[in-house]
Amino acid sequence: MFTIILSLGSNLNDRLANLSNAIEILSVKTDILSISPVYETQPLYILEQPLFLNLAMLATTELSATMLLDFAKNTEISIGRQPTTRFGPRIVDIDIIDYDSTCLNSSRLTLPHPRVEERLFVLKPLLDIVPKWTHPRTKQNLKHMIDQLPANQNIKLFGHIPLPTKT
């Protein structure tokens, strides 16, 4: 089993339902250990779009990193994600933040996620569920990465999504 950290976000339609649906689907091929609180955040990169809901998820899986990537992208499509502008609005976005502390650079996948250090909407939820996590490549801890961010990234607690029940 491999330990994974995923980041989920949504800023279209029923954002909370989109995240809940993604978690339900992801639970089919992962054993979810923890889900962070849900945070409402301002968009980065393309600012003229609706606010996002974001969370982080700690889980284990038997899937390889590329199989997990395919599963995550298929999950997005099953919930209704359509191709759109990079960093634009989306029904759901699922990013692999960490895969068993692996460092990987391939044409399909970079691990850990290449922009994790610049995203408070990823770092704050990580701090909630894996406070001792350190970046496998830079060896920086979460507090240090958060302290390096500009103060203009607003984030506020929105709610919670319970762990899925196993049937």
N, C-alpha and C. Protein backbone atom coordinates (compact mmCIF):
# COMPACT_ATOMS: atom_id res chain seq x y z
N MET A 1 0.84 -1.19 0.00
CA MET A 1 0.00 0.00 0.00
C MET A 1 0.88 1.25 0.00
N PHE A 2 0.44 2.25 -0.74
CA PHE A 2 1.16 3.51 -0.85
C PHE A 2 0.36 4.61 -0.17
N THR A 3 1.02 5.46 0.58
CA THR A 3 0.37 6.59 1.22
C THR A 3 0.32 7.75 0.24
N ILE A 4 -0.87 8.33 0.09
CA ILE A 4 -1.07 9.41 -0.87
C ILE A 4 -1.75 10.60 -0.21
N ILE A 5 -1.49 11.77 -0.76
CA ILE A 5 -2.20 12.99 -0.37
C ILE A 5 -2.76 13.60 -1.64
N LEU A 6 -4.05 13.83 -1.64
CA LEU A 6 -4.73 14.45 -2.77
C LEU A 6 -5.29 15.80 -2.34
N SER A 7 -5.34 16.73 -3.29
CA SER A 7 -5.99 18.01 -3.09
C SER A 7 -7.17 18.07 -4.03
N LEU A 8 -8.33 18.45 -3.51
CA LEU A 8 -9.54 18.54 -4.31
C LEU A 8 -10.07 19.96 -4.27
N GLY A 9 -10.56 20.44 -5.41
CA GLY A 9 -11.14 21.76 -5.47
C GLY A 9 -12.33 21.79 -6.42
N SER A 10 -13.22 22.76 -6.21
CA SER A 10 -14.39 22.93 -7.06
C SER A 10 -14.85 24.38 -6.96
N ASN A 11 -15.23 24.96 -8.12
CA ASN A 11 -15.81 26.30 -8.05
C ASN A 11 -16.99 26.51 -9.00
N LEU A 12 -17.61 25.41 -9.43
CA LEU A 12 -18.80 25.51 -10.28
C LEU A 12 -19.93 24.67 -9.70
N ASN A 13 -21.15 25.13 -9.92
CA ASN A 13 -22.37 24.42 -9.50
C ASN A 13 -22.36 24.19 -8.00
N ASP A 14 -22.80 23.03 -7.54
CA ASP A 14 -22.84 22.73 -6.11
C ASP A 14 -21.45 22.22 -5.69
N ARG A 15 -20.62 23.16 -5.28
CA ARG A 15 -19.21 22.87 -5.01
C ARG A 15 -19.02 21.78 -3.96
N LEU A 16 -19.79 21.85 -2.88
CA LEU A 16 -19.65 20.86 -1.81
C LEU A 16 -20.08 19.47 -2.29
N ALA A 17 -21.16 19.41 -3.04
CA ALA A 17 -21.60 18.12 -3.59
C ALA A 17 -20.57 17.56 -4.56
N ASN A 18 -19.95 18.43 -5.35
CA ASN A 18 -18.90 17.96 -6.27
C ASN A 18 -17.76 17.31 -5.50
N LEU A 19 -17.33 17.94 -4.42
CA LEU A 19 -16.24 17.38 -3.61
C LEU A 19 -16.67 16.07 -2.94
N SER A 20 -17.89 16.05 -2.42
CA SER A 20 -18.40 14.83 -1.79
C SER A 20 -18.48 13.68 -2.79
N ASN A 21 -18.96 13.97 -3.99
CA ASN A 21 -19.03 12.94 -5.03
C ASN A 21 -17.65 12.42 -5.39
N ALA A 22 -16.69 13.32 -5.51
CA ALA A 22 -15.33 12.90 -5.83
C ALA A 22 -14.76 11.99 -4.74
N ILE A 23 -15.00 12.34 -3.49
CA ILE A 23 -14.50 11.53 -2.37
C ILE A 23 -15.14 10.14 -2.40
N GLU A 24 -16.44 10.09 -2.66
CA GLU A 24 -17.12 8.78 -2.75
C GLU A 24 -16.50 7.91 -3.82
N ILE A 25 -16.27 8.49 -5.00
CA ILE A 25 -15.68 7.72 -6.10
C ILE A 25 -14.25 7.32 -5.76
N LEU A 26 -13.47 8.26 -5.23
CA LEU A 26 -12.08 7.96 -4.87
C LEU A 26 -11.99 6.85 -3.83
N SER A 27 -12.99 6.74 -2.97
CA SER A 27 -12.96 5.73 -1.91
C SER A 27 -13.06 4.31 -2.45
N VAL A 28 -13.45 4.16 -3.72
CA VAL A 28 -13.54 2.84 -4.33
C VAL A 28 -12.15 2.20 -4.46
N LYS A 29 -11.14 3.03 -4.76
CA LYS A 29 -9.80 2.49 -4.98
C LYS A 29 -8.75 3.05 -4.02
N THR A 30 -9.23 3.73 -2.97
CA THR A 30 -8.33 4.21 -1.93
C THR A 30 -8.97 3.92 -0.58
N ASP A 31 -8.14 3.83 0.43
CA ASP A 31 -8.62 3.73 1.80
C ASP A 31 -8.38 5.10 2.43
N ILE A 32 -9.45 5.88 2.55
CA ILE A 32 -9.32 7.25 3.03
C ILE A 32 -9.12 7.25 4.54
N LEU A 33 -8.02 7.86 4.96
CA LEU A 33 -7.67 7.91 6.37
C LEU A 33 -8.14 9.19 7.03
N SER A 34 -8.12 10.29 6.28
CA SER A 34 -8.47 11.59 6.84
C SER A 34 -8.86 12.55 5.73
N ILE A 35 -9.81 13.42 6.04
CA ILE A 35 -10.22 14.49 5.13
C ILE A 35 -10.13 15.80 5.91
N SER A 36 -9.46 16.79 5.35
CA SER A 36 -9.34 18.08 6.02
C SER A 36 -10.70 18.79 6.04
N PRO A 37 -10.81 19.84 6.85
CA PRO A 37 -11.97 20.71 6.68
C PRO A 37 -11.99 21.27 5.26
N VAL A 38 -13.16 21.74 4.85
CA VAL A 38 -13.33 22.37 3.55
C VAL A 38 -13.11 23.87 3.75
N TYR A 39 -12.32 24.45 2.86
CA TYR A 39 -12.03 25.88 2.91
C TYR A 39 -12.54 26.56 1.65
N GLU A 40 -13.04 27.79 1.83
CA GLU A 40 -13.39 28.62 0.68
C GLU A 40 -12.22 29.54 0.40
N THR A 41 -11.81 29.58 -0.87
CA THR A 41 -10.61 30.31 -1.23
C THR A 41 -10.82 31.11 -2.51
N GLN A 42 -10.04 32.17 -2.63
CA GLN A 42 -10.06 32.96 -3.85
C GLN A 42 -9.25 32.23 -4.91
N PRO A 43 -9.63 32.39 -6.18
CA PRO A 43 -8.85 31.74 -7.24
C PRO A 43 -7.47 32.38 -7.36
N LEU A 44 -6.52 31.58 -7.80
CA LEU A 44 -5.18 32.06 -8.16
C LEU A 44 -5.07 32.03 -9.68
N TYR A 45 -4.11 32.76 -10.18
CA TYR A 45 -3.75 32.74 -11.61
C TYR A 45 -4.81 33.44 -12.47
N ILE A 46 -6.03 32.93 -12.53
CA ILE A 46 -7.13 33.60 -13.24
C ILE A 46 -8.12 34.06 -12.17
N LEU A 47 -8.14 35.35 -11.91
CA LEU A 47 -8.87 35.87 -10.75
C LEU A 47 -10.36 36.06 -10.98
N GLU A 48 -10.78 36.26 -12.23
CA GLU A 48 -12.18 36.52 -12.55
C GLU A 48 -12.95 35.21 -12.73
N GLN A 49 -13.20 34.55 -11.61
CA GLN A 49 -13.98 33.32 -11.61
C GLN A 49 -14.53 33.12 -10.20
N PRO A 50 -15.50 32.21 -10.03
CA PRO A 50 -16.10 32.01 -8.71
C PRO A 50 -15.09 31.50 -7.67
N LEU A 51 -15.44 31.71 -6.40
CA LEU A 51 -14.62 31.21 -5.30
C LEU A 51 -14.57 29.68 -5.32
N PHE A 52 -13.47 29.14 -4.84
CA PHE A 52 -13.29 27.69 -4.78
C PHE A 52 -13.61 27.16 -3.40
N LEU A 53 -13.99 25.89 -3.35
CA LEU A 53 -13.93 25.10 -2.13
C LEU A 53 -12.78 24.12 -2.33
N ASN A 54 -11.95 23.99 -1.29
CA ASN A 54 -10.78 23.12 -1.35
C ASN A 54 -10.66 22.28 -0.09
N LEU A 55 -10.09 21.09 -0.27
CA LEU A 55 -9.78 20.22 0.86
C LEU A 55 -8.61 19.33 0.48
N ALA A 56 -8.05 18.67 1.48
CA ALA A 56 -7.00 17.69 1.25
C ALA A 56 -7.46 16.35 1.83
N MET A 57 -6.93 15.29 1.26
CA MET A 57 -7.33 13.94 1.65
C MET A 57 -6.08 13.08 1.80
N LEU A 58 -5.98 12.39 2.91
CA LEU A 58 -4.90 11.44 3.16
C LEU A 58 -5.48 10.04 3.00
N ALA A 59 -4.80 9.20 2.22
CA ALA A 59 -5.32 7.86 1.95
C ALA A 59 -4.17 6.91 1.65
N THR A 60 -4.53 5.65 1.52
CA THR A 60 -3.59 4.65 1.00
C THR A 60 -4.24 4.01 -0.22
N THR A 61 -3.39 3.48 -1.08
CA THR A 61 -3.89 2.84 -2.29
C THR A 61 -2.90 1.80 -2.77
N GLU A 62 -3.40 0.85 -3.53
CA GLU A 62 -2.53 -0.13 -4.18
C GLU A 62 -2.19 0.31 -5.61
N LEU A 63 -2.83 1.38 -6.08
CA LEU A 63 -2.59 1.86 -7.44
C LEU A 63 -1.18 2.45 -7.56
N SER A 64 -0.58 2.27 -8.72
CA SER A 64 0.68 2.95 -9.01
C SER A 64 0.38 4.44 -9.16
N ALA A 65 1.41 5.26 -9.17
CA ALA A 65 1.22 6.71 -9.30
C ALA A 65 0.48 7.06 -10.60
N THR A 66 0.86 6.45 -11.71
CA THR A 66 0.19 6.78 -12.98
C THR A 66 -1.22 6.21 -13.03
N MET A 67 -1.44 5.05 -12.42
CA MET A 67 -2.80 4.52 -12.35
C MET A 67 -3.67 5.43 -11.47
N LEU A 68 -3.11 5.97 -10.39
CA LEU A 68 -3.84 6.90 -9.53
C LEU A 68 -4.18 8.17 -10.31
N LEU A 69 -3.23 8.67 -11.10
CA LEU A 69 -3.49 9.85 -11.92
C LEU A 69 -4.65 9.58 -12.88
N ASP A 70 -4.62 8.45 -13.56
CA ASP A 70 -5.71 8.11 -14.48
C ASP A 70 -7.04 8.00 -13.74
N PHE A 71 -7.03 7.37 -12.58
CA PHE A 71 -8.25 7.22 -11.77
C PHE A 71 -8.78 8.59 -11.35
N ALA A 72 -7.89 9.49 -10.92
CA ALA A 72 -8.31 10.84 -10.51
C ALA A 72 -8.91 11.60 -11.69
N LYS A 73 -8.26 11.53 -12.85
CA LYS A 73 -8.77 12.26 -14.03
C LYS A 73 -10.11 11.67 -14.50
N ASN A 74 -10.26 10.35 -14.44
CA ASN A 74 -11.53 9.73 -14.80
C ASN A 74 -12.62 10.09 -13.79
N THR A 75 -12.25 10.24 -12.54
CA THR A 75 -13.20 10.68 -11.51
C THR A 75 -13.70 12.09 -11.84
N GLU A 76 -12.78 12.98 -12.19
CA GLU A 76 -13.17 14.34 -12.58
C GLU A 76 -14.18 14.32 -13.73
N ILE A 77 -13.88 13.53 -14.75
CA ILE A 77 -14.76 13.44 -15.93
C ILE A 77 -16.13 12.88 -15.54
N SER A 78 -16.15 11.87 -14.67
CA SER A 78 -17.44 11.26 -14.29
C SER A 78 -18.33 12.24 -13.53
N ILE A 79 -17.73 13.22 -12.87
CA ILE A 79 -18.50 14.23 -12.14
C ILE A 79 -18.92 15.37 -13.06
N GLY A 80 -18.33 15.44 -14.25
CA GLY A 80 -18.77 16.43 -15.22
C GLY A 80 -17.72 17.43 -15.66
N ARG A 81 -16.46 17.21 -15.29
CA ARG A 81 -15.44 18.15 -15.72
C ARG A 81 -15.27 18.11 -17.23
N GLN A 82 -15.20 19.30 -17.81
CA GLN A 82 -15.00 19.46 -19.25
C GLN A 82 -13.65 20.16 -19.47
N PRO A 83 -13.03 19.91 -20.62
CA PRO A 83 -11.80 20.65 -20.91
C PRO A 83 -12.08 22.15 -20.91
N THR A 84 -11.17 22.92 -20.33
CA THR A 84 -11.35 24.37 -20.21
C THR A 84 -9.99 25.03 -20.14
N THR A 85 -10.00 26.32 -19.93
CA THR A 85 -8.77 27.08 -19.79
C THR A 85 -7.98 26.59 -18.58
N ARG A 86 -6.65 26.47 -18.74
CA ARG A 86 -5.79 26.09 -17.61
C ARG A 86 -6.01 27.08 -16.48
N PHE A 87 -6.20 26.57 -15.28
CA PHE A 87 -6.45 27.33 -14.05
C PHE A 87 -7.81 28.03 -14.06
N GLY A 88 -8.67 27.68 -15.02
CA GLY A 88 -9.99 28.29 -15.09
C GLY A 88 -11.00 27.57 -14.21
N PRO A 89 -12.27 27.99 -14.28
CA PRO A 89 -13.31 27.38 -13.46
C PRO A 89 -13.46 25.90 -13.79
N ARG A 90 -13.83 25.11 -12.77
CA ARG A 90 -14.01 23.68 -13.01
C ARG A 90 -14.97 23.08 -11.99
N ILE A 91 -15.66 22.05 -12.44
CA ILE A 91 -16.58 21.29 -11.58
C ILE A 91 -15.79 20.67 -10.44
N VAL A 92 -14.69 20.02 -10.78
CA VAL A 92 -13.84 19.41 -9.76
C VAL A 92 -12.43 19.27 -10.33
N ASP A 93 -11.46 19.41 -9.44
CA ASP A 93 -10.06 19.23 -9.79
C ASP A 93 -9.44 18.36 -8.71
N ILE A 94 -8.74 17.32 -9.13
CA ILE A 94 -8.09 16.41 -8.18
C ILE A 94 -6.60 16.38 -8.53
N ASP A 95 -5.76 16.81 -7.60
CA ASP A 95 -4.32 16.81 -7.80
C ASP A 95 -3.66 15.85 -6.83
N ILE A 96 -2.68 15.12 -7.32
CA ILE A 96 -1.85 14.29 -6.45
C ILE A 96 -0.76 15.20 -5.89
N ILE A 97 -0.81 15.43 -4.59
CA ILE A 97 0.18 16.28 -3.94
C ILE A 97 1.41 15.46 -3.57
N ASP A 98 1.18 14.27 -3.03
CA ASP A 98 2.28 13.41 -2.61
C ASP A 98 1.88 11.96 -2.84
N TYR A 99 2.84 11.19 -3.31
CA TYR A 99 2.63 9.76 -3.51
C TYR A 99 3.79 9.03 -2.83
N ASP A 100 3.55 8.63 -1.60
CA ASP A 100 4.52 7.85 -0.83
C ASP A 100 5.90 8.53 -0.77
N SER A 101 5.91 9.86 -0.67
CA SER A 101 7.13 10.67 -0.60
C SER A 101 8.05 10.49 -1.81
N THR A 102 7.47 10.12 -2.94
CA THR A 102 8.22 9.89 -4.17
C THR A 102 8.50 11.21 -4.88
N CYS A 103 9.69 11.32 -5.45
CA CYS A 103 10.03 12.42 -6.35
C CYS A 103 10.04 11.86 -7.76
N LEU A 104 9.25 12.45 -8.64
CA LEU A 104 9.10 11.93 -9.99
C LEU A 104 8.91 13.09 -10.96
N ASN A 105 9.60 13.03 -12.09
CA ASN A 105 9.41 13.98 -13.18
C ASN A 105 9.23 13.18 -14.46
N SER A 106 7.99 13.06 -14.90
CA SER A 106 7.74 12.39 -16.16
C SER A 106 6.89 13.31 -17.02
N SER A 107 6.67 12.92 -18.25
CA SER A 107 5.86 13.76 -19.14
C SER A 107 4.41 13.84 -18.66
N ARG A 108 3.96 12.87 -17.88
CA ARG A 108 2.56 12.84 -17.42
C ARG A 108 2.37 13.31 -15.99
N LEU A 109 3.42 13.18 -15.16
CA LEU A 109 3.21 13.39 -13.73
C LEU A 109 4.50 13.89 -13.08
N THR A 110 4.35 14.95 -12.27
CA THR A 110 5.45 15.44 -11.44
C THR A 110 5.04 15.29 -9.99
N LEU A 111 5.93 14.66 -9.22
CA LEU A 111 5.69 14.46 -7.79
C LEU A 111 6.90 14.93 -7.00
N PRO A 112 6.64 15.58 -5.85
CA PRO A 112 5.32 16.04 -5.42
C PRO A 112 4.79 17.09 -6.39
N HIS A 113 3.54 17.48 -6.20
CA HIS A 113 2.90 18.44 -7.10
C HIS A 113 3.81 19.67 -7.25
N PRO A 114 4.04 20.12 -8.49
CA PRO A 114 5.04 21.17 -8.72
C PRO A 114 4.71 22.56 -8.18
N ARG A 115 3.45 22.83 -7.85
CA ARG A 115 3.09 24.17 -7.36
C ARG A 115 2.58 24.16 -5.92
N VAL A 116 2.84 23.10 -5.19
CA VAL A 116 2.31 22.99 -3.83
C VAL A 116 2.78 24.15 -2.94
N GLU A 117 4.01 24.60 -3.10
CA GLU A 117 4.56 25.63 -2.20
C GLU A 117 3.90 26.99 -2.37
N GLU A 118 3.23 27.24 -3.49
CA GLU A 118 2.65 28.56 -3.73
C GLU A 118 1.15 28.61 -3.45
N ARG A 119 0.60 27.54 -2.93
CA ARG A 119 -0.86 27.44 -2.80
C ARG A 119 -1.30 27.25 -1.35
N LEU A 120 -1.75 28.33 -0.73
CA LEU A 120 -2.27 28.22 0.62
C LEU A 120 -3.48 27.30 0.66
N PHE A 121 -4.26 27.26 -0.42
CA PHE A 121 -5.44 26.39 -0.47
C PHE A 121 -5.07 24.91 -0.45
N VAL A 122 -3.81 24.59 -0.67
CA VAL A 122 -3.32 23.22 -0.50
C VAL A 122 -2.62 23.08 0.84
N LEU A 123 -1.76 24.04 1.18
CA LEU A 123 -0.93 23.92 2.39
C LEU A 123 -1.74 23.93 3.68
N LYS A 124 -2.75 24.80 3.78
CA LYS A 124 -3.55 24.87 5.02
C LYS A 124 -4.30 23.57 5.27
N PRO A 125 -5.00 23.00 4.28
CA PRO A 125 -5.64 21.71 4.53
C PRO A 125 -4.63 20.60 4.87
N LEU A 126 -3.44 20.65 4.26
CA LEU A 126 -2.41 19.67 4.61
C LEU A 126 -2.02 19.81 6.07
N LEU A 127 -1.88 21.04 6.53
CA LEU A 127 -1.51 21.29 7.92
C LEU A 127 -2.53 20.67 8.88
N ASP A 128 -3.79 20.63 8.46
CA ASP A 128 -4.85 20.04 9.29
C ASP A 128 -4.74 18.52 9.40
N ILE A 129 -4.32 17.85 8.33
CA ILE A 129 -4.36 16.37 8.34
C ILE A 129 -2.99 15.71 8.43
N VAL A 130 -1.94 16.39 7.99
CA VAL A 130 -0.58 15.83 8.06
C VAL A 130 0.38 16.93 8.50
N PRO A 131 0.24 17.42 9.74
CA PRO A 131 1.00 18.60 10.17
C PRO A 131 2.52 18.42 10.12
N LYS A 132 3.00 17.20 10.14
CA LYS A 132 4.45 16.98 10.11
C LYS A 132 4.98 16.69 8.70
N TRP A 133 4.11 16.84 7.68
CA TRP A 133 4.54 16.57 6.31
C TRP A 133 5.65 17.52 5.90
N THR A 134 6.65 16.99 5.24
CA THR A 134 7.70 17.81 4.65
C THR A 134 7.76 17.50 3.15
N HIS A 135 8.09 18.51 2.41
CA HIS A 135 8.18 18.40 0.96
C HIS A 135 9.32 17.44 0.63
N PRO A 136 9.05 16.35 -0.09
CA PRO A 136 10.09 15.36 -0.36
C PRO A 136 11.29 15.89 -1.15
N ARG A 137 11.08 16.92 -1.94
CA ARG A 137 12.18 17.44 -2.76
C ARG A 137 12.96 18.54 -2.02
N THR A 138 12.25 19.50 -1.44
CA THR A 138 12.91 20.66 -0.80
C THR A 138 13.19 20.45 0.68
N LYS A 139 12.53 19.47 1.28
CA LYS A 139 12.64 19.16 2.72
C LYS A 139 12.08 20.28 3.60
N GLN A 140 11.29 21.19 3.04
CA GLN A 140 10.66 22.24 3.83
C GLN A 140 9.40 21.72 4.49
N ASN A 141 9.13 22.18 5.72
CA ASN A 141 7.91 21.77 6.40
C ASN A 141 6.78 22.73 6.03
N LEU A 142 5.57 22.35 6.39
CA LEU A 142 4.39 23.13 6.02
C LEU A 142 4.42 24.54 6.58
N LYS A 143 4.78 24.68 7.84
CA LYS A 143 4.80 26.01 8.45
C LYS A 143 5.75 26.93 7.69
N HIS A 144 6.92 26.44 7.34
CA HIS A 144 7.88 27.26 6.59
C HIS A 144 7.29 27.67 5.24
N MET A 145 6.69 26.72 4.52
CA MET A 145 6.12 27.04 3.21
C MET A 145 4.99 28.07 3.33
N ILE A 146 4.15 27.91 4.35
CA ILE A 146 3.05 28.86 4.56
C ILE A 146 3.60 30.24 4.89
N ASP A 147 4.64 30.30 5.73
CA ASP A 147 5.22 31.59 6.10
C ASP A 147 5.83 32.32 4.91
N GLN A 148 6.20 31.62 3.86
CA GLN A 148 6.81 32.23 2.68
C GLN A 148 5.78 32.82 1.71
N LEU A 149 4.52 32.51 1.92
CA LEU A 149 3.48 32.97 0.99
C LEU A 149 3.11 34.43 1.24
N PRO A 150 2.69 35.13 0.17
CA PRO A 150 2.18 36.49 0.37
C PRO A 150 0.91 36.46 1.23
N ALA A 151 0.68 37.52 1.95
CA ALA A 151 -0.44 37.57 2.89
C ALA A 151 -1.79 37.76 2.20
N ASN A 152 -1.82 37.90 0.88
CA ASN A 152 -3.08 38.21 0.20
C ASN A 152 -3.87 36.97 -0.21
N GLN A 153 -3.46 35.78 0.18
CA GLN A 153 -4.23 34.58 -0.15
C GLN A 153 -5.25 34.34 0.96
N ASN A 154 -6.50 34.72 0.68
CA ASN A 154 -7.55 34.57 1.68
C ASN A 154 -8.09 33.16 1.68
N ILE A 155 -8.32 32.66 2.88
CA ILE A 155 -8.85 31.31 3.05
C ILE A 155 -9.73 31.32 4.29
N LYS A 156 -10.93 30.74 4.16
CA LYS A 156 -11.80 30.70 5.35
C LYS A 156 -12.47 29.33 5.44
N LEU A 157 -12.65 28.90 6.67
CA LEU A 157 -13.29 27.63 6.93
C LEU A 157 -14.72 27.65 6.39
N PHE A 158 -15.09 26.59 5.67
CA PHE A 158 -16.41 26.52 5.06
C PHE A 158 -17.25 25.41 5.69
N GLY A 159 -16.64 24.28 6.00
CA GLY A 159 -17.40 23.16 6.55
C GLY A 159 -16.59 21.89 6.55
N HIS A 160 -17.29 20.76 6.59
CA HIS A 160 -16.63 19.46 6.66
C HIS A 160 -17.38 18.46 5.78
N ILE A 161 -16.63 17.49 5.30
CA ILE A 161 -17.21 16.35 4.60
C ILE A 161 -16.79 15.11 5.38
N PRO A 162 -17.75 14.29 5.79
CA PRO A 162 -17.38 13.10 6.58
C PRO A 162 -16.69 12.05 5.72
N LEU A 163 -15.93 11.18 6.39
CA LEU A 163 -15.33 10.05 5.71
C LEU A 163 -16.44 9.19 5.13
N PRO A 164 -16.24 8.65 3.92
CA PRO A 164 -17.24 7.75 3.35
C PRO A 164 -17.35 6.48 4.19
N THR A 165 -18.55 5.94 4.23
CA THR A 165 -18.74 4.68 4.94
C THR A 165 -18.44 3.52 4.01
N LYS A 166 -17.73 2.55 4.53
CA LYS A 166 -17.40 1.36 3.73
C LYS A 166 -18.59 0.40 3.77
N THR A 167 -18.96 -0.12 2.59
CA THR A 167 -20.08 -1.06 2.55
C THR A 167 -19.61 -2.43 2.17
